[in-house]
Structure formats: C-alpha cells, structure tokens
C-alpha cells in the first residue's frame, strides 16, 4: 500500500507556482505504488488547485489565514482527521501549523525551506531554529547554513531540460520573478539606462507580478526607458518567453537559490546574477554566467554590456549553462525527496511491524 504524503502549501495563486510546481514534479516522477500525494492550500485560492488535481494529486483549499484564525485552525484540524496521512511535507506556515498537523496525525514531519536567508528589512542573516520537526529540507546550502535542527538535508529543485533555444537576436535581456524590492529590479532599471547609452538597440523584458510593479513602471518612465522595457506579467509558459531572450539577469539583493535562474540555464541562457545566497551554487563565474556584487549598478551594467558586445562568448556561456542545468534535473530532485521520505517513514510507530 502506498504511503500517503500530505503537502501543506500556501497560496494556490500564480505567485505560488514554484513550490506547487515542485509537488507536481514529484507526482510525475515518484512511483505511485510507493507514494500517494495529497496537497492542502492554506492560503489564497487559485488555479494551482486544479493544476495539481489534473496531475493526479488530490488537492484541497482549507483557508487558515493566521494563528489567530480559530475557524481556520478548526477547518484544518477536521481536514486532517478526515484522511489517512503517513507523512507531512510542510512548505508553508509556522509552528502553529506544524504543531496542529503533528498532534492530529502523529505522522513524521519534514519542513521544506524555500525562502530567503536574510531579513528583508536589513538583509542581516536569519537564524531558524526548528527543533519541532523530524527533518528540514533546504533548497540550497545557503539556506541550510542558517538552520538549527537535528537533521538538515539539501535537495536542490529540479527544472525541465529541453533543447536550448536562446534567441538569435543578441539584444534582448530577460528577467523573471516576483516584483518585490528584494529582487533588485530597481537597480536593474538603473543599470539598463547606462546600458542603453552604449547599446540603444537593447531591450529588457521582465516577467512576473507583485506589489512593486507600478513603482517599477513609473521608474522606467521617469528614467526615459519606458519604450525599451516591457513588463510581461505572469507567464504560464516561461520557457517560451525565454526562447526570445539572449541572456538572463537576476539582480536580487538576496536569494535562497534562484529557480528562475535555473530555468534560464535549462533554456540555454547565460546568467548575470548577484553574488548572494544560493546563486553561487548554481552559477560558475566565467563558465555559465557572471556574478556581480548585489546592488552594484556599475558592475551590473558592465557585466551586461560585456556579454552584449561578445555574442559568441554569450553563446558559449549559454551552452555551458545548459549542460550545468542537467545537475538540477527533475528526476534528481524527485530522487532526493524520495530518499528523505524513505528515511522519515521509518519513524512511524508502525514502521517496525510493517517492515
């Protein structure tokens, strides 16, 4: 009989695509005779509930807005009691979510950390103490380094690998992610002003949504680059968008890993990124891309200009990035998660008798 694994997630809106997409990847690669996956969204309703159901995952929306939302806690408790759960895989929520889930189910619990390793307000390193979990999955070594727990395992996210399809037009720069201050897009716009002075034919496309979008659009107009910058919004097919880009830029002030940078590498694009968080774990400077100091506008401008001036080098970096992306494939990700599941399932009270 397959083990029932419940994934506890936040929003089902497009903003949660990177995490919900990981669960869908697991459904694609894990043996259904070993694992049955369910998913519970505690945040906003959205299209990812239907997307996971279409992938063969039983997905539900059980809104629980905060620890003070007693009604939400009661709904979550009833949901947990209504099904068999052998393992809890928690992607969202704090101690209250973990405590209630473990108390009701008695199942082993793994917390998956996808988020930042520095505070958003002052960018100082965070320190996470997770003594109430059986294991922590960290999305990068940078994340693992700030976790205090008995068992921490680094499992890198996986991305689909297709034939590289970088644009033959050497002047389109792409970026993708949530439009929030920590992603550094305001610095990118400043750098693009100087870049246009050298390469007036260059264009910048930014895919994503977020609370900073209107401010960024106003900034682009104020800088006089509104005609050269396009804000694309969320894309359901980011690889298709990346196919018209010649290079990818990730100007984050902090980044746990950089899943969109990995997607760009899997599309055959060289990456110019900030030297922060987990980005140095996936980008080899001078081989698959370029790393620059965070918030350093002149350095970012120089790195972009150098690649635009050397299209053959840009192409070589993109080819190397594509090969490097194979180290972060979806099957490797699923295999890493399966190893964690097998280890944790041995902690069940009935494990000894069922073995």
Protein backbone atom coordinates (compact mmCIF):
# COMPACT_ATOMS: atom_id res chain seq x y z
CA UNK A 1 0.00 0.00 0.00
CA UNK A 2 1.48 3.40 -0.93
CA UNK A 3 2.39 5.84 1.80
CA UNK A 4 0.09 8.87 1.93
CA UNK A 5 2.09 12.11 1.87
CA UNK A 6 0.30 15.39 2.59
CA UNK A 7 1.92 18.54 1.18
CA UNK A 8 0.91 21.66 3.11
CA UNK A 9 1.23 24.74 0.90
CA UNK A 10 0.44 28.44 0.97
CA UNK A 11 -1.20 30.21 -1.94
CA UNK A 12 -2.70 28.46 -4.95
CA UNK A 13 -2.35 31.68 -6.95
CA UNK A 14 0.33 32.03 -9.68
CA UNK A 15 2.68 33.53 -7.08
CA UNK A 16 2.97 30.04 -5.58
CA UNK A 17 3.90 28.39 -8.88
CA UNK A 18 7.49 27.49 -7.99
CA UNK A 19 6.52 25.49 -4.89
CA UNK A 20 3.30 23.98 -6.23
CA UNK A 21 5.20 23.06 -9.37
CA UNK A 22 7.64 21.04 -7.26
CA UNK A 23 4.76 18.97 -5.91
CA UNK A 24 3.52 18.36 -9.46
CA UNK A 25 7.04 17.26 -10.40
CA UNK A 26 7.05 14.74 -7.56
CA UNK A 27 3.76 13.29 -8.83
CA UNK A 28 5.36 12.86 -12.23
CA UNK A 29 8.48 11.02 -11.03
CA UNK A 30 7.68 9.23 -7.77
CA UNK A 31 6.43 5.66 -8.07
CA UNK A 32 2.66 5.71 -7.36
CA UNK A 33 2.94 2.25 -5.84
CA UNK A 34 5.22 3.78 -3.19
CA UNK A 35 3.63 7.19 -2.58
CA UNK A 36 0.24 8.83 -2.89
CA UNK A 37 0.40 12.61 -2.81
CA UNK A 38 -2.26 14.95 -1.41
CA UNK A 39 -2.00 18.73 -1.19
CA UNK A 40 -3.65 21.27 1.07
CA UNK A 41 -3.51 25.01 0.32
CA UNK A 42 -3.90 27.14 3.47
CA UNK A 43 -3.55 30.47 1.67
CA UNK A 44 -5.37 32.09 -1.22
CA UNK A 45 -7.46 30.03 -3.64
CA UNK A 46 -6.18 29.88 -7.18
CA UNK A 47 -5.51 27.87 -10.34
CA UNK A 48 -2.87 25.62 -8.83
CA UNK A 49 -5.53 23.61 -7.01
CA UNK A 50 -6.96 22.49 -10.34
CA UNK A 51 -3.48 22.08 -11.82
CA UNK A 52 -2.45 19.64 -9.10
CA UNK A 53 -5.73 17.74 -9.37
CA UNK A 54 -5.12 17.41 -13.10
CA UNK A 55 -1.70 15.93 -12.29
CA UNK A 56 -3.31 13.18 -10.21
CA UNK A 57 -2.82 14.84 -6.83
CA UNK A 58 -5.82 15.25 -4.54
CA UNK A 59 -5.60 19.00 -3.85
CA UNK A 60 -7.80 20.96 -1.47
CA UNK A 61 -8.22 24.55 -0.28
CA UNK A 62 -8.55 24.88 3.50
CA UNK A 63 -8.01 28.59 4.26
CA UNK A 64 -6.20 29.33 7.51
CA UNK A 65 -5.06 32.94 7.46
CA UNK A 66 -3.10 33.25 10.72
CA UNK A 67 -2.59 31.59 14.12
CA UNK A 68 -5.40 33.82 15.43
CA UNK A 69 -7.85 32.46 12.85
CA UNK A 70 -9.59 29.93 15.10
CA UNK A 71 -12.06 28.97 12.40
CA UNK A 72 -9.21 28.24 10.02
CA UNK A 73 -7.46 26.08 12.60
CA UNK A 74 -10.68 24.12 13.16
CA UNK A 75 -11.16 23.60 9.40
CA UNK A 76 -7.58 22.38 9.08
CA UNK A 77 -8.00 20.01 12.02
CA UNK A 78 -11.17 18.50 10.51
CA UNK A 79 -9.41 18.13 7.17
CA UNK A 80 -6.50 16.28 8.78
CA UNK A 81 -8.83 13.95 10.67
CA UNK A 82 -10.74 13.07 7.51
CA UNK A 83 -7.89 11.23 5.80
CA UNK A 84 -5.06 8.83 6.37
CA UNK A 85 -1.70 10.61 6.47
CA UNK A 86 1.61 8.80 6.81
CA UNK A 87 3.96 11.72 6.26
CA UNK A 88 3.65 15.51 6.46
CA UNK A 89 5.62 17.61 3.97
CA UNK A 90 5.24 21.24 5.10
CA UNK A 91 6.12 24.06 2.70
CA UNK A 92 4.17 26.84 4.43
CA UNK A 93 3.27 28.14 7.86
CA UNK A 94 4.95 28.43 11.21
CA UNK A 95 4.97 26.48 14.43
CA UNK A 96 1.17 26.54 14.83
CA UNK A 97 0.70 24.71 11.50
CA UNK A 98 3.34 22.13 12.36
CA UNK A 99 2.09 21.59 15.91
CA UNK A 100 -1.53 21.05 14.88
CA UNK A 101 -0.64 18.80 11.96
CA UNK A 102 1.59 16.57 14.06
CA UNK A 103 -0.84 16.46 17.01
CA UNK A 104 -3.76 15.35 14.84
CA UNK A 105 -1.93 12.88 12.59
CA UNK A 106 1.01 11.64 14.64
CA UNK A 107 2.90 11.44 11.35
CA UNK A 108 6.60 12.27 10.82
CA UNK A 109 7.05 15.84 9.63
CA UNK A 110 9.53 17.40 7.23
CA UNK A 111 9.69 21.15 6.73
CA UNK A 112 10.84 22.32 3.30
CA UNK A 113 12.55 25.72 3.35
CA UNK A 114 12.38 27.56 0.04
CA UNK A 115 12.73 31.11 1.27
CA UNK A 116 15.30 33.76 1.90
CA UNK A 117 18.33 33.52 4.12
CA UNK A 118 18.40 37.20 5.07
CA UNK A 119 15.88 39.57 6.60
CA UNK A 120 14.08 41.67 4.01
CA UNK A 121 14.28 44.82 6.12
CA UNK A 122 18.02 44.98 6.84
CA UNK A 123 19.40 41.94 4.93
CA UNK A 124 21.07 40.51 8.00
CA UNK A 125 21.28 36.70 8.06
CA UNK A 126 18.31 34.95 9.59
CA UNK A 127 18.70 32.07 12.05
CA UNK A 128 15.99 29.44 12.02
CA UNK A 129 15.56 27.07 14.95
CA UNK A 130 13.40 24.10 14.03
CA UNK A 131 13.55 21.68 16.91
CA UNK A 132 9.95 20.53 16.40
CA UNK A 133 10.47 18.77 13.06
CA UNK A 134 11.90 15.39 12.11
CA UNK A 135 13.89 16.77 9.19
CA UNK A 136 14.46 20.02 7.30
CA UNK A 137 14.84 20.07 3.53
CA UNK A 138 16.83 23.14 2.47
CA UNK A 139 16.64 24.34 -1.11
CA UNK A 140 20.36 25.28 -1.07
CA UNK A 141 23.44 25.14 1.11
CA UNK A 142 22.94 28.85 1.79
CA UNK A 143 19.59 28.05 3.37
CA UNK A 144 20.95 25.02 5.24
CA UNK A 145 23.65 27.19 6.81
CA UNK A 146 21.10 29.33 8.69
CA UNK A 147 19.06 26.40 10.05
CA UNK A 148 19.44 24.98 13.53
CA UNK A 149 17.89 21.50 13.51
CA UNK A 150 18.90 17.93 14.25
CA UNK A 151 18.72 16.83 10.61
CA UNK A 152 19.04 19.10 7.59
CA UNK A 153 19.19 17.81 4.01
CA UNK A 154 19.95 19.94 0.93
CA UNK A 155 17.77 18.94 -2.03
CA UNK A 156 18.06 21.27 -4.99
CA UNK A 157 14.89 21.97 -7.00
CA UNK A 158 14.62 20.37 -10.40
CA UNK A 159 13.86 22.06 -13.69
CA UNK A 160 12.82 20.52 -17.01
CA UNK A 161 15.66 20.28 -19.50
CA UNK A 162 14.82 20.86 -23.15
CA UNK A 163 16.88 21.63 -26.22
CA UNK A 164 18.47 25.08 -25.79
CA UNK A 165 16.57 27.76 -27.65
CA UNK A 166 18.30 31.07 -26.96
CA UNK A 167 17.25 33.86 -29.30
CA UNK A 168 19.35 34.68 -32.34
CA UNK A 169 18.65 38.35 -31.59
CA UNK A 170 21.56 39.37 -29.33
CA UNK A 171 19.94 42.35 -27.68
CA UNK A 172 17.02 41.08 -25.58
CA UNK A 173 17.72 40.80 -21.85
CA UNK A 174 15.22 38.91 -19.73
CA UNK A 175 14.37 38.78 -16.03
CA UNK A 176 11.68 36.87 -14.18
CA UNK A 177 10.37 36.71 -10.63
CA UNK A 178 8.13 38.37 -8.10
CA UNK A 179 8.16 42.13 -8.38
CA UNK A 180 9.21 42.96 -4.84
CA UNK A 181 12.04 45.21 -3.55
CA UNK A 182 14.36 42.36 -2.54
CA UNK A 183 14.59 41.20 -6.16
CA UNK A 184 16.56 44.32 -7.06
CA UNK A 185 14.68 45.27 -10.23
CA UNK A 186 15.01 48.98 -9.42
CA UNK A 187 18.79 48.57 -9.68
CA UNK A 188 18.36 46.67 -12.94
CA UNK A 189 16.42 49.59 -14.42
CA UNK A 190 19.19 51.98 -13.35
CA UNK A 191 21.78 49.71 -14.95
CA UNK A 192 19.71 49.49 -18.12
CA UNK A 193 19.79 53.28 -18.52
CA UNK A 194 23.58 53.18 -18.76
CA UNK A 195 23.44 50.10 -20.97
CA UNK A 196 21.15 51.82 -23.47
CA UNK A 197 23.68 54.63 -23.79
CA UNK A 198 26.11 52.05 -25.18
CA UNK A 199 23.60 49.78 -26.91
CA UNK A 200 20.49 51.79 -27.89
CA UNK A 201 19.02 48.73 -29.65
CA UNK A 202 18.90 46.69 -26.41
CA UNK A 203 15.56 45.70 -24.93
CA UNK A 204 14.60 44.48 -21.46
CA UNK A 205 11.66 42.18 -20.65
CA UNK A 206 10.60 41.46 -17.06
CA UNK A 207 8.21 38.57 -16.45
CA UNK A 208 6.35 38.48 -13.16
CA UNK A 209 3.90 40.26 -10.92
CA UNK A 210 3.99 41.74 -7.47
CA UNK A 211 3.35 44.82 -5.35
CA UNK A 212 6.29 46.73 -6.86
CA UNK A 213 5.07 46.60 -10.45
CA UNK A 214 3.50 50.07 -10.60
CA UNK A 215 6.54 51.64 -8.90
CA UNK A 216 8.88 49.94 -11.36
CA UNK A 217 6.80 51.03 -14.34
CA UNK A 218 6.85 54.61 -13.05
CA UNK A 219 10.61 54.38 -12.52
CA UNK A 220 11.14 53.16 -16.09
CA UNK A 221 9.14 56.10 -17.47
CA UNK A 222 10.94 58.58 -15.21
CA UNK A 223 14.29 57.25 -16.38
CA UNK A 224 13.21 57.68 -20.00
CA UNK A 225 13.47 53.97 -20.83
CA UNK A 226 9.76 53.10 -20.85
CA UNK A 227 9.78 52.30 -24.56
CA UNK A 228 12.65 49.84 -24.16
CA UNK A 229 11.31 47.98 -21.12
CA UNK A 230 8.33 45.60 -21.21
CA UNK A 231 6.62 44.24 -18.11
CA UNK A 232 5.09 40.93 -19.17
CA UNK A 233 3.16 39.93 -16.05
CA UNK A 234 2.91 36.29 -15.02
CA UNK A 235 3.63 33.76 -17.74
CA UNK A 236 2.21 30.24 -17.80
CA UNK A 237 4.92 29.22 -20.26
CA UNK A 238 8.16 30.83 -19.15
CA UNK A 239 10.37 28.63 -21.39
CA UNK A 240 8.53 30.01 -24.42
CA UNK A 241 9.20 33.55 -23.20
CA UNK A 242 12.86 32.76 -22.54
CA UNK A 243 13.22 31.50 -26.12
CA UNK A 244 13.36 35.10 -27.36
CA UNK A 245 15.92 36.23 -24.78
CA UNK A 246 19.67 36.26 -25.36
CA UNK A 247 20.66 36.37 -21.69
CA UNK A 248 19.05 36.33 -18.25
CA UNK A 249 19.64 38.66 -15.33
CA UNK A 250 18.89 38.02 -11.64
CA UNK A 251 19.71 41.25 -9.76
CA UNK A 252 18.46 40.06 -6.34
CA UNK A 253 19.66 41.57 -3.09
CA UNK A 254 19.17 38.14 -1.55
CA UNK A 255 18.13 34.80 -2.98
CA UNK A 256 17.67 31.38 -1.38
CA UNK A 257 18.59 29.68 -4.65
CA UNK A 258 17.19 31.27 -7.83
CA UNK A 259 14.80 28.83 -9.50
CA UNK A 260 14.21 31.17 -12.45
CA UNK A 261 17.97 31.40 -12.99
CA UNK A 262 18.00 27.59 -13.18
CA UNK A 263 15.14 27.69 -15.68
CA UNK A 264 17.09 30.17 -17.76
CA UNK A 265 20.15 27.92 -17.71
CA UNK A 266 17.96 24.98 -18.76
CA UNK A 267 16.86 27.14 -21.72
CA UNK A 268 20.47 27.68 -22.76
CA UNK A 269 20.83 31.23 -21.47
CA UNK A 270 23.89 32.67 -19.73
CA UNK A 271 23.02 34.28 -16.41
CA UNK A 272 24.19 37.56 -14.91
CA UNK A 273 23.30 37.43 -11.22
CA UNK A 274 24.06 38.89 -7.84
CA UNK A 275 26.64 37.05 -5.77
CA UNK A 276 24.21 36.31 -2.94
CA UNK A 277 22.51 33.36 -1.25
CA UNK A 278 22.34 30.19 -3.29
CA UNK A 279 23.08 31.76 -6.68
CA UNK A 280 26.83 30.96 -6.50
CA UNK A 281 25.85 27.31 -6.02
CA UNK A 282 24.34 27.10 -9.50
CA UNK A 283 26.35 29.68 -11.50
CA UNK A 284 30.05 29.19 -12.23
CA UNK A 285 31.55 32.61 -12.97
CA UNK A 286 33.12 32.83 -16.40
CA UNK A 287 31.77 29.41 -17.35
CA UNK A 288 27.97 29.55 -17.15
CA UNK A 289 27.48 33.21 -16.35
CA UNK A 290 28.68 36.22 -14.39
CA UNK A 291 28.30 37.08 -10.71
CA UNK A 292 28.31 40.71 -9.55
CA UNK A 293 28.08 42.31 -6.10
CA UNK A 294 24.46 42.92 -5.04
CA UNK A 295 23.09 46.45 -5.59
CA UNK A 296 26.23 47.39 -7.55
CA UNK A 297 24.71 49.18 -10.55
CA UNK A 298 28.01 49.92 -12.37
CA UNK A 299 29.13 46.29 -12.03
CA UNK A 300 25.76 45.04 -13.31
CA UNK A 301 25.90 47.44 -16.26
CA UNK A 302 29.43 46.37 -17.14
CA UNK A 303 28.59 42.65 -16.99
CA UNK A 304 25.56 43.05 -19.27
CA UNK A 305 27.44 45.29 -21.71
CA UNK A 306 30.35 42.86 -21.93
CA UNK A 307 28.09 39.98 -22.92
CA UNK A 308 26.16 42.04 -25.44
CA UNK A 309 29.46 43.09 -27.02
CA UNK A 310 30.61 39.47 -27.27
CA UNK A 311 27.74 37.42 -28.72
CA UNK A 312 29.98 34.38 -29.34
CA UNK A 313 31.08 34.34 -25.70
CA UNK A 314 27.46 34.82 -24.68
CA UNK A 315 26.56 31.76 -26.75
CA UNK A 316 29.35 29.66 -25.20
CA UNK A 317 28.26 30.58 -21.70
CA UNK A 318 24.68 29.65 -22.57
CA UNK A 319 25.74 26.25 -23.87
CA UNK A 320 27.72 25.58 -20.70
CA UNK A 321 24.77 26.76 -18.59
CA UNK A 322 22.53 24.27 -20.37
CA UNK A 323 24.87 21.41 -19.52
CA UNK A 324 25.19 22.63 -15.93
CA UNK A 325 21.39 22.65 -15.60
CA UNK A 326 21.41 18.86 -16.01
CA UNK A 327 22.80 18.68 -12.47
CA UNK A 328 19.47 20.15 -11.33
CA UNK A 329 17.07 17.97 -13.30
CA UNK A 330 13.59 17.00 -12.16
CA UNK A 331 14.46 13.27 -11.78
CA UNK A 332 17.38 14.18 -9.49
CA UNK A 333 15.09 16.36 -7.38
CA UNK A 334 12.48 13.62 -7.07
CA UNK A 335 15.12 11.05 -6.15
CA UNK A 336 16.42 13.32 -3.39
CA UNK A 337 12.93 13.78 -1.97
CA UNK A 338 12.25 10.03 -2.17
CA UNK A 339 15.38 9.40 -0.08
CA UNK A 340 14.02 11.74 2.61
CA UNK A 341 10.61 10.07 2.53
CA UNK A 342 12.07 6.59 2.97
CA UNK A 343 14.12 7.75 5.94
CA UNK A 344 11.23 9.52 7.65
CA UNK A 345 8.71 6.76 7.09
CA UNK A 346 10.87 4.56 9.29
CA UNK A 347 9.92 6.88 12.17
CA UNK A 348 6.25 5.88 12.06
CA UNK A 349 5.05 3.93 15.11
CA UNK A 350 4.02 1.03 12.84
CA UNK A 351 7.23 1.04 10.80
CA UNK A 352 8.87 -1.78 12.70
CA UNK A 353 5.89 -4.10 12.37
CA UNK A 354 5.24 -3.23 8.71
CA UNK A 355 8.89 -3.59 7.64
